[in-house]
């Protein structure tokens, strides 16, 4: 019979405990691993299939940057905006969007007819999805737009498209319309990251009666 010393016995017990502790320490890191944009070999963006589990920022009804009311041009729609959690947490701390930020705008038809509803509108079918990605290594302007069809990979919308200049000229923070996300606007104000162009527009709107309505 082999007799183990107290130190040998303790060492034998500690090894599995240390292994378990190391594994437990790794699990949170794995669970919180940053989700980066994923691309095909030819550079198309693979749409994230779990974006509804991301941070929900806001929902707009019939928002349009055109002069005419949008419901005169097309069916009424809701726009739901989600952002990846890693980017959201960085924004809360800094008021800025880090590299690999991903926004998903999900557009759904708005209906007032259904079940027991008598007034107002609710969301129904998806009609379009837009993705706004900050990937500095791939894009000269840091950001890129994509409009995937379902789960199919999507090519980048050309940088000559109006969406790029519109966001660059009117977004409150780094080409993102933070002014439409009430939970984030206050953060940007506190961190001092609101763009000069946005602040100028806001001053102009206050000075001009009825502006922005």
C-alpha atoms as a PDB file:
ATOM      1  CA  UNK A   1       0.000   0.000   0.000  1.00  0.00           C
ATOM      2  CA  UNK A   2       1.371   3.370  -1.038  1.00  0.00           C
ATOM      3  CA  UNK A   3       0.952   6.114   1.543  1.00  0.00           C
ATOM      4  CA  UNK A   4       0.587   9.669   0.186  1.00  0.00           C
ATOM      5  CA  UNK A   5       1.873  12.603   2.119  1.00  0.00           C
ATOM      6  CA  UNK A   6      -0.423  15.472   3.014  1.00  0.00           C
ATOM      7  CA  UNK A   7       1.182  17.627   0.310  1.00  0.00           C
ATOM      8  CA  UNK A   8       0.751  14.988  -2.385  1.00  0.00           C
ATOM      9  CA  UNK A   9      -2.901  14.460  -1.457  1.00  0.00           C
ATOM     10  CA  UNK A  10      -3.561  18.181  -1.441  1.00  0.00           C
ATOM     11  CA  UNK A  11      -1.865  18.591  -4.803  1.00  0.00           C
ATOM     12  CA  UNK A  12      -4.004  15.824  -6.289  1.00  0.00           C
ATOM     13  CA  UNK A  13      -7.171  17.530  -5.059  1.00  0.00           C
ATOM     14  CA  UNK A  14      -6.113  20.992  -6.166  1.00  0.00           C
ATOM     15  CA  UNK A  15      -5.382  20.095  -9.785  1.00  0.00           C
ATOM     16  CA  UNK A  16      -8.999  19.335 -10.783  1.00  0.00           C
ATOM     17  CA  UNK A  17     -10.199  22.341  -8.804  1.00  0.00           C
ATOM     18  CA  UNK A  18      -7.758  24.616 -10.605  1.00  0.00           C
ATOM     19  CA  UNK A  19      -8.777  23.156 -13.967  1.00  0.00           C
ATOM     20  CA  UNK A  20     -12.431  23.805 -13.168  1.00  0.00           C
ATOM     21  CA  UNK A  21     -11.646  27.355 -12.076  1.00  0.00           C
ATOM     22  CA  UNK A  22      -9.736  28.024 -15.284  1.00  0.00           C
ATOM     23  CA  UNK A  23     -12.621  26.686 -17.357  1.00  0.00           C
ATOM     24  CA  UNK A  24     -15.114  28.833 -15.450  1.00  0.00           C
ATOM     25  CA  UNK A  25     -12.927  31.867 -16.027  1.00  0.00           C
ATOM     26  CA  UNK A  26     -12.887  31.217 -19.751  1.00  0.00           C
ATOM     27  CA  UNK A  27     -16.634  30.777 -20.144  1.00  0.00           C
ATOM     28  CA  UNK A  28     -17.625  34.426 -19.624  1.00  0.00           C
ATOM     29  CA  UNK A  29     -14.992  35.462 -22.163  1.00  0.00           C
ATOM     30  CA  UNK A  30     -16.359  33.001 -24.698  1.00  0.00           C
ATOM     31  CA  UNK A  31     -19.945  34.044 -24.035  1.00  0.00           C
ATOM     32  CA  UNK A  32     -19.065  37.721 -24.407  1.00  0.00           C
ATOM     33  CA  UNK A  33     -16.829  37.335 -27.436  1.00  0.00           C
ATOM     34  CA  UNK A  34     -17.159  40.263 -29.803  1.00  0.00           C
ATOM     35  CA  UNK A  35     -19.255  39.624 -32.881  1.00  0.00           C
ATOM     36  CA  UNK A  36     -17.489  41.028 -35.920  1.00  0.00           C
ATOM     37  CA  UNK A  37     -18.933  41.435 -39.419  1.00  0.00           C
ATOM     38  CA  UNK A  38     -18.650  38.220 -41.423  1.00  0.00           C
ATOM     39  CA  UNK A  39     -17.943  38.165 -45.153  1.00  0.00           C
ATOM     40  CA  UNK A  40     -17.806  35.708 -48.003  1.00  0.00           C
ATOM     41  CA  UNK A  41     -14.582  35.147 -49.938  1.00  0.00           C
ATOM     42  CA  UNK A  42     -15.675  37.721 -52.535  1.00  0.00           C
ATOM     43  CA  UNK A  43     -16.368  40.391 -49.924  1.00  0.00           C
ATOM     44  CA  UNK A  44     -20.137  40.130 -49.504  1.00  0.00           C
ATOM     45  CA  UNK A  45     -21.563  40.673 -46.027  1.00  0.00           C
ATOM     46  CA  UNK A  46     -23.222  37.660 -44.421  1.00  0.00           C
ATOM     47  CA  UNK A  47     -26.322  38.990 -42.619  1.00  0.00           C
ATOM     48  CA  UNK A  48     -26.317  38.211 -38.880  1.00  0.00           C
ATOM     49  CA  UNK A  49     -29.181  35.844 -38.103  1.00  0.00           C
ATOM     50  CA  UNK A  50     -29.420  36.751 -34.408  1.00  0.00           C
ATOM     51  CA  UNK A  51     -29.803  40.533 -34.629  1.00  0.00           C
ATOM     52  CA  UNK A  52     -33.152  40.439 -32.792  1.00  0.00           C
ATOM     53  CA  UNK A  53     -31.153  39.342 -29.739  1.00  0.00           C
ATOM     54  CA  UNK A  54     -29.030  42.499 -29.986  1.00  0.00           C
ATOM     55  CA  UNK A  55     -29.754  45.843 -28.303  1.00  0.00           C
ATOM     56  CA  UNK A  56     -33.026  47.342 -29.542  1.00  0.00           C
ATOM     57  CA  UNK A  57     -32.574  51.108 -29.902  1.00  0.00           C
ATOM     58  CA  UNK A  58     -35.857  52.459 -31.190  1.00  0.00           C
ATOM     59  CA  UNK A  59     -38.707  52.102 -33.658  1.00  0.00           C
ATOM     60  CA  UNK A  60     -39.886  54.800 -36.055  1.00  0.00           C
ATOM     61  CA  UNK A  61     -43.178  54.946 -37.930  1.00  0.00           C
ATOM     62  CA  UNK A  62     -43.236  56.293 -41.508  1.00  0.00           C
ATOM     63  CA  UNK A  63     -39.978  58.166 -41.101  1.00  0.00           C
ATOM     64  CA  UNK A  64     -38.760  59.796 -44.309  1.00  0.00           C
ATOM     65  CA  UNK A  65     -36.220  62.397 -45.353  1.00  0.00           C
ATOM     66  CA  UNK A  66     -38.420  63.458 -48.277  1.00  0.00           C
ATOM     67  CA  UNK A  67     -40.658  66.516 -48.315  1.00  0.00           C
ATOM     68  CA  UNK A  68     -43.865  64.607 -49.016  1.00  0.00           C
ATOM     69  CA  UNK A  69     -45.433  62.521 -46.230  1.00  0.00           C
ATOM     70  CA  UNK A  70     -44.195  58.940 -46.740  1.00  0.00           C
ATOM     71  CA  UNK A  71     -47.645  57.357 -46.526  1.00  0.00           C
ATOM     72  CA  UNK A  72     -48.579  59.219 -49.710  1.00  0.00           C
ATOM     73  CA  UNK A  73     -45.765  57.480 -51.544  1.00  0.00           C
ATOM     74  CA  UNK A  74     -45.925  53.934 -50.190  1.00  0.00           C
ATOM     75  CA  UNK A  75     -47.494  51.682 -47.603  1.00  0.00           C
ATOM     76  CA  UNK A  76     -47.071  52.684 -43.971  1.00  0.00           C
ATOM     77  CA  UNK A  77     -44.035  51.054 -42.293  1.00  0.00           C
ATOM     78  CA  UNK A  78     -42.229  50.696 -38.993  1.00  0.00           C
ATOM     79  CA  UNK A  79     -38.439  50.777 -38.822  1.00  0.00           C
ATOM     80  CA  UNK A  80     -36.822  48.828 -35.972  1.00  0.00           C
ATOM     81  CA  UNK A  81     -33.142  49.456 -35.229  1.00  0.00           C
ATOM     82  CA  UNK A  82     -30.769  47.025 -33.501  1.00  0.00           C
ATOM     83  CA  UNK A  83     -27.047  47.357 -32.703  1.00  0.00           C
ATOM     84  CA  UNK A  84     -24.562  44.680 -31.664  1.00  0.00           C
ATOM     85  CA  UNK A  85     -24.136  44.618 -27.851  1.00  0.00           C
ATOM     86  CA  UNK A  86     -20.361  45.109 -27.903  1.00  0.00           C
ATOM     87  CA  UNK A  87     -20.634  48.387 -29.790  1.00  0.00           C
ATOM     88  CA  UNK A  88     -23.508  49.535 -27.574  1.00  0.00           C
ATOM     89  CA  UNK A  89     -21.456  49.038 -24.413  1.00  0.00           C
ATOM     90  CA  UNK A  90     -18.536  50.995 -25.860  1.00  0.00           C
ATOM     91  CA  UNK A  91     -20.862  53.827 -26.866  1.00  0.00           C
ATOM     92  CA  UNK A  92     -22.283  54.071 -23.358  1.00  0.00           C
ATOM     93  CA  UNK A  93     -18.748  54.556 -22.018  1.00  0.00           C
ATOM     94  CA  UNK A  94     -17.322  56.837 -24.702  1.00  0.00           C
ATOM     95  CA  UNK A  95     -20.154  58.312 -26.769  1.00  0.00           C
ATOM     96  CA  UNK A  96     -18.432  56.992 -29.906  1.00  0.00           C
ATOM     97  CA  UNK A  97     -18.942  53.961 -32.153  1.00  0.00           C
ATOM     98  CA  UNK A  98     -16.010  51.513 -32.255  1.00  0.00           C
ATOM     99  CA  UNK A  99     -14.728  49.634 -35.265  1.00  0.00           C
ATOM    100  CA  UNK A 100     -16.880  46.583 -36.123  1.00  0.00           C
ATOM    101  CA  UNK A 101     -20.110  48.312 -35.058  1.00  0.00           C
ATOM    102  CA  UNK A 102     -23.147  46.837 -36.816  1.00  0.00           C
ATOM    103  CA  UNK A 103     -26.619  48.373 -37.088  1.00  0.00           C
ATOM    104  CA  UNK A 104     -29.587  46.486 -38.506  1.00  0.00           C
ATOM    105  CA  UNK A 105     -32.690  48.395 -39.586  1.00  0.00           C
ATOM    106  CA  UNK A 106     -35.630  46.057 -39.989  1.00  0.00           C
ATOM    107  CA  UNK A 107     -38.593  47.535 -41.885  1.00  0.00           C
ATOM    108  CA  UNK A 108     -42.032  46.025 -41.342  1.00  0.00           C
ATOM    109  CA  UNK A 109     -45.426  46.854 -42.758  1.00  0.00           C
ATOM    110  CA  UNK A 110     -47.769  48.743 -40.419  1.00  0.00           C
ATOM    111  CA  UNK A 111     -51.378  47.650 -40.222  1.00  0.00           C
ATOM    112  CA  UNK A 112     -54.381  48.952 -38.342  1.00  0.00           C
ATOM    113  CA  UNK A 113     -56.675  46.073 -39.218  1.00  0.00           C
ATOM    114  CA  UNK A 114     -56.378  42.866 -37.281  1.00  0.00           C
ATOM    115  CA  UNK A 115     -57.846  40.937 -34.377  1.00  0.00           C
ATOM    116  CA  UNK A 116     -59.441  43.261 -31.807  1.00  0.00           C
ATOM    117  CA  UNK A 117     -57.483  46.400 -32.754  1.00  0.00           C
ATOM    118  CA  UNK A 118     -59.653  49.497 -33.177  1.00  0.00           C
ATOM    119  CA  UNK A 119     -57.105  52.326 -33.257  1.00  0.00           C
ATOM    120  CA  UNK A 120     -53.421  52.733 -33.962  1.00  0.00           C
ATOM    121  CA  UNK A 121     -51.062  50.494 -35.915  1.00  0.00           C
ATOM    122  CA  UNK A 122     -49.022  47.363 -35.269  1.00  0.00           C
ATOM    123  CA  UNK A 123     -46.167  45.658 -37.114  1.00  0.00           C
ATOM    124  CA  UNK A 124     -46.588  42.800 -39.576  1.00  0.00           C
ATOM    125  CA  UNK A 125     -44.370  41.416 -42.367  1.00  0.00           C
ATOM    126  CA  UNK A 126     -40.756  42.345 -43.044  1.00  0.00           C
ATOM    127  CA  UNK A 127     -40.392  44.254 -46.305  1.00  0.00           C
ATOM    128  CA  UNK A 128     -36.713  45.204 -46.163  1.00  0.00           C
ATOM    129  CA  UNK A 129     -33.560  44.987 -44.049  1.00  0.00           C
ATOM    130  CA  UNK A 130     -30.643  47.426 -44.121  1.00  0.00           C
ATOM    131  CA  UNK A 131     -27.279  46.937 -42.432  1.00  0.00           C
ATOM    132  CA  UNK A 132     -24.819  49.715 -41.586  1.00  0.00           C
ATOM    133  CA  UNK A 133     -21.336  48.464 -40.738  1.00  0.00           C
ATOM    134  CA  UNK A 134     -18.233  50.212 -39.459  1.00  0.00           C
ATOM    135  CA  UNK A 135     -15.278  48.258 -40.841  1.00  0.00           C
ATOM    136  CA  UNK A 136     -12.337  50.615 -41.204  1.00  0.00           C
ATOM    137  CA  UNK A 137     -10.049  48.103 -42.916  1.00  0.00           C
ATOM    138  CA  UNK A 138     -12.528  47.508 -45.744  1.00  0.00           C
ATOM    139  CA  UNK A 139     -14.045  50.924 -46.305  1.00  0.00           C
ATOM    140  CA  UNK A 140     -12.305  54.216 -47.177  1.00  0.00           C
ATOM    141  CA  UNK A 141     -15.036  56.100 -45.341  1.00  0.00           C
ATOM    142  CA  UNK A 142     -15.021  53.578 -42.457  1.00  0.00           C
ATOM    143  CA  UNK A 143     -18.757  52.823 -42.858  1.00  0.00           C
ATOM    144  CA  UNK A 144     -20.667  50.811 -45.471  1.00  0.00           C
ATOM    145  CA  UNK A 145     -24.316  50.070 -46.235  1.00  0.00           C
ATOM    146  CA  UNK A 146     -25.798  46.736 -47.254  1.00  0.00           C
ATOM    147  CA  UNK A 147     -29.331  45.723 -48.242  1.00  0.00           C
ATOM    148  CA  UNK A 148     -29.520  41.924 -47.995  1.00  0.00           C
ATOM    149  CA  UNK A 149     -32.402  39.864 -49.318  1.00  0.00           C
ATOM    150  CA  UNK A 150     -33.188  37.367 -46.608  1.00  0.00           C
ATOM    151  CA  UNK A 151     -30.175  35.337 -45.511  1.00  0.00           C
ATOM    152  CA  UNK A 152     -28.299  35.785 -48.783  1.00  0.00           C
ATOM    153  CA  UNK A 153     -24.912  37.570 -48.581  1.00  0.00           C
ATOM    154  CA  UNK A 154     -25.088  41.144 -49.849  1.00  0.00           C
ATOM    155  CA  UNK A 155     -22.640  43.297 -51.727  1.00  0.00           C
ATOM    156  CA  UNK A 156     -21.803  46.776 -50.460  1.00  0.00           C
ATOM    157  CA  UNK A 157     -24.017  49.578 -51.699  1.00  0.00           C
ATOM    158  CA  UNK A 158     -21.773  51.858 -53.822  1.00  0.00           C
ATOM    159  CA  UNK A 159     -20.337  54.804 -51.921  1.00  0.00           C
ATOM    160  CA  UNK A 160     -21.825  57.147 -54.508  1.00  0.00           C
ATOM    161  CA  UNK A 161     -25.309  56.328 -53.176  1.00  0.00           C
ATOM    162  CA  UNK A 162     -27.194  59.155 -51.464  1.00  0.00           C
ATOM    163  CA  UNK A 163     -27.379  57.307 -48.148  1.00  0.00           C
ATOM    164  CA  UNK A 164     -23.657  57.907 -47.535  1.00  0.00           C
ATOM    165  CA  UNK A 165     -23.731  61.674 -48.004  1.00  0.00           C
ATOM    166  CA  UNK A 166     -27.019  61.990 -46.110  1.00  0.00           C
ATOM    167  CA  UNK A 167     -25.645  60.213 -43.057  1.00  0.00           C
ATOM    168  CA  UNK A 168     -22.364  62.085 -43.225  1.00  0.00           C
ATOM    169  CA  UNK A 169     -24.093  65.468 -43.378  1.00  0.00           C
ATOM    170  CA  UNK A 170     -26.929  64.997 -40.897  1.00  0.00           C
ATOM    171  CA  UNK A 171     -26.044  62.244 -38.400  1.00  0.00           C
ATOM    172  CA  UNK A 172     -25.603  63.267 -34.783  1.00  0.00           C
ATOM    173  CA  UNK A 173     -22.631  60.956 -34.109  1.00  0.00           C
ATOM    174  CA  UNK A 174     -20.215  59.464 -36.648  1.00  0.00           C
ATOM    175  CA  UNK A 175     -22.719  58.969 -39.532  1.00  0.00           C
ATOM    176  CA  UNK A 176     -25.281  57.420 -37.170  1.00  0.00           C
ATOM    177  CA  UNK A 177     -28.643  59.119 -36.562  1.00  0.00           C
ATOM    178  CA  UNK A 178     -28.296  59.050 -32.792  1.00  0.00           C
ATOM    179  CA  UNK A 179     -30.779  61.945 -32.669  1.00  0.00           C
ATOM    180  CA  UNK A 180     -33.534  59.378 -33.320  1.00  0.00           C
ATOM    181  CA  UNK A 181     -32.470  57.048 -30.496  1.00  0.00           C
ATOM    182  CA  UNK A 182     -33.635  58.604 -27.211  1.00  0.00           C
ATOM    183  CA  UNK A 183     -31.607  56.271 -25.003  1.00  0.00           C
ATOM    184  CA  UNK A 184     -28.367  57.326 -26.732  1.00  0.00           C
ATOM    185  CA  UNK A 185     -28.795  61.027 -27.430  1.00  0.00           C
ATOM    186  CA  UNK A 186     -28.246  61.928 -23.794  1.00  0.00           C
ATOM    187  CA  UNK A 187     -25.059  59.850 -23.731  1.00  0.00           C
ATOM    188  CA  UNK A 188     -23.656  61.706 -26.745  1.00  0.00           C
ATOM    189  CA  UNK A 189     -24.509  65.052 -25.162  1.00  0.00           C
ATOM    190  CA  UNK A 190     -22.813  64.088 -21.902  1.00  0.00           C
ATOM    191  CA  UNK A 191     -19.692  62.811 -23.683  1.00  0.00           C
ATOM    192  CA  UNK A 192     -19.525  65.800 -26.033  1.00  0.00           C
ATOM    193  CA  UNK A 193     -19.492  63.689 -29.212  1.00  0.00           C
ATOM    194  CA  UNK A 194     -22.360  65.304 -31.132  1.00  0.00           C
ATOM    195  CA  UNK A 195     -21.229  66.361 -34.614  1.00  0.00           C
ATOM    196  CA  UNK A 196     -20.858  70.074 -35.460  1.00  0.00           C
ATOM    197  CA  UNK A 197     -23.203  69.639 -38.435  1.00  0.00           C
ATOM    198  CA  UNK A 198     -25.950  68.213 -36.235  1.00  0.00           C
ATOM    199  CA  UNK A 199     -25.543  70.931 -33.616  1.00  0.00           C
ATOM    200  CA  UNK A 200     -25.779  73.574 -36.345  1.00  0.00           C
ATOM    201  CA  UNK A 201     -28.994  72.009 -37.648  1.00  0.00           C
ATOM    202  CA  UNK A 202     -30.450  71.951 -34.158  1.00  0.00           C
ATOM    203  CA  UNK A 203     -29.634  75.630 -33.601  1.00  0.00           C
ATOM    204  CA  UNK A 204     -31.211  76.449 -36.954  1.00  0.00           C
ATOM    205  CA  UNK A 205     -34.349  74.482 -36.115  1.00  0.00           C
ATOM    206  CA  UNK A 206     -34.757  76.332 -32.815  1.00  0.00           C
ATOM    207  CA  UNK A 207     -34.259  79.689 -34.516  1.00  0.00           C
ATOM    208  CA  UNK A 208     -36.763  78.943 -37.267  1.00  0.00           C
ATOM    209  CA  UNK A 209     -40.397  78.583 -36.024  1.00  0.00           C
ATOM    210  CA  UNK A 210     -41.978  75.355 -37.209  1.00  0.00           C
ATOM    211  CA  UNK A 211     -38.698  73.945 -38.531  1.00  0.00           C
ATOM    212  CA  UNK A 212     -38.232  70.199 -38.282  1.00  0.00           C
ATOM    213  CA  UNK A 213     -41.952  69.516 -37.967  1.00  0.00           C
END
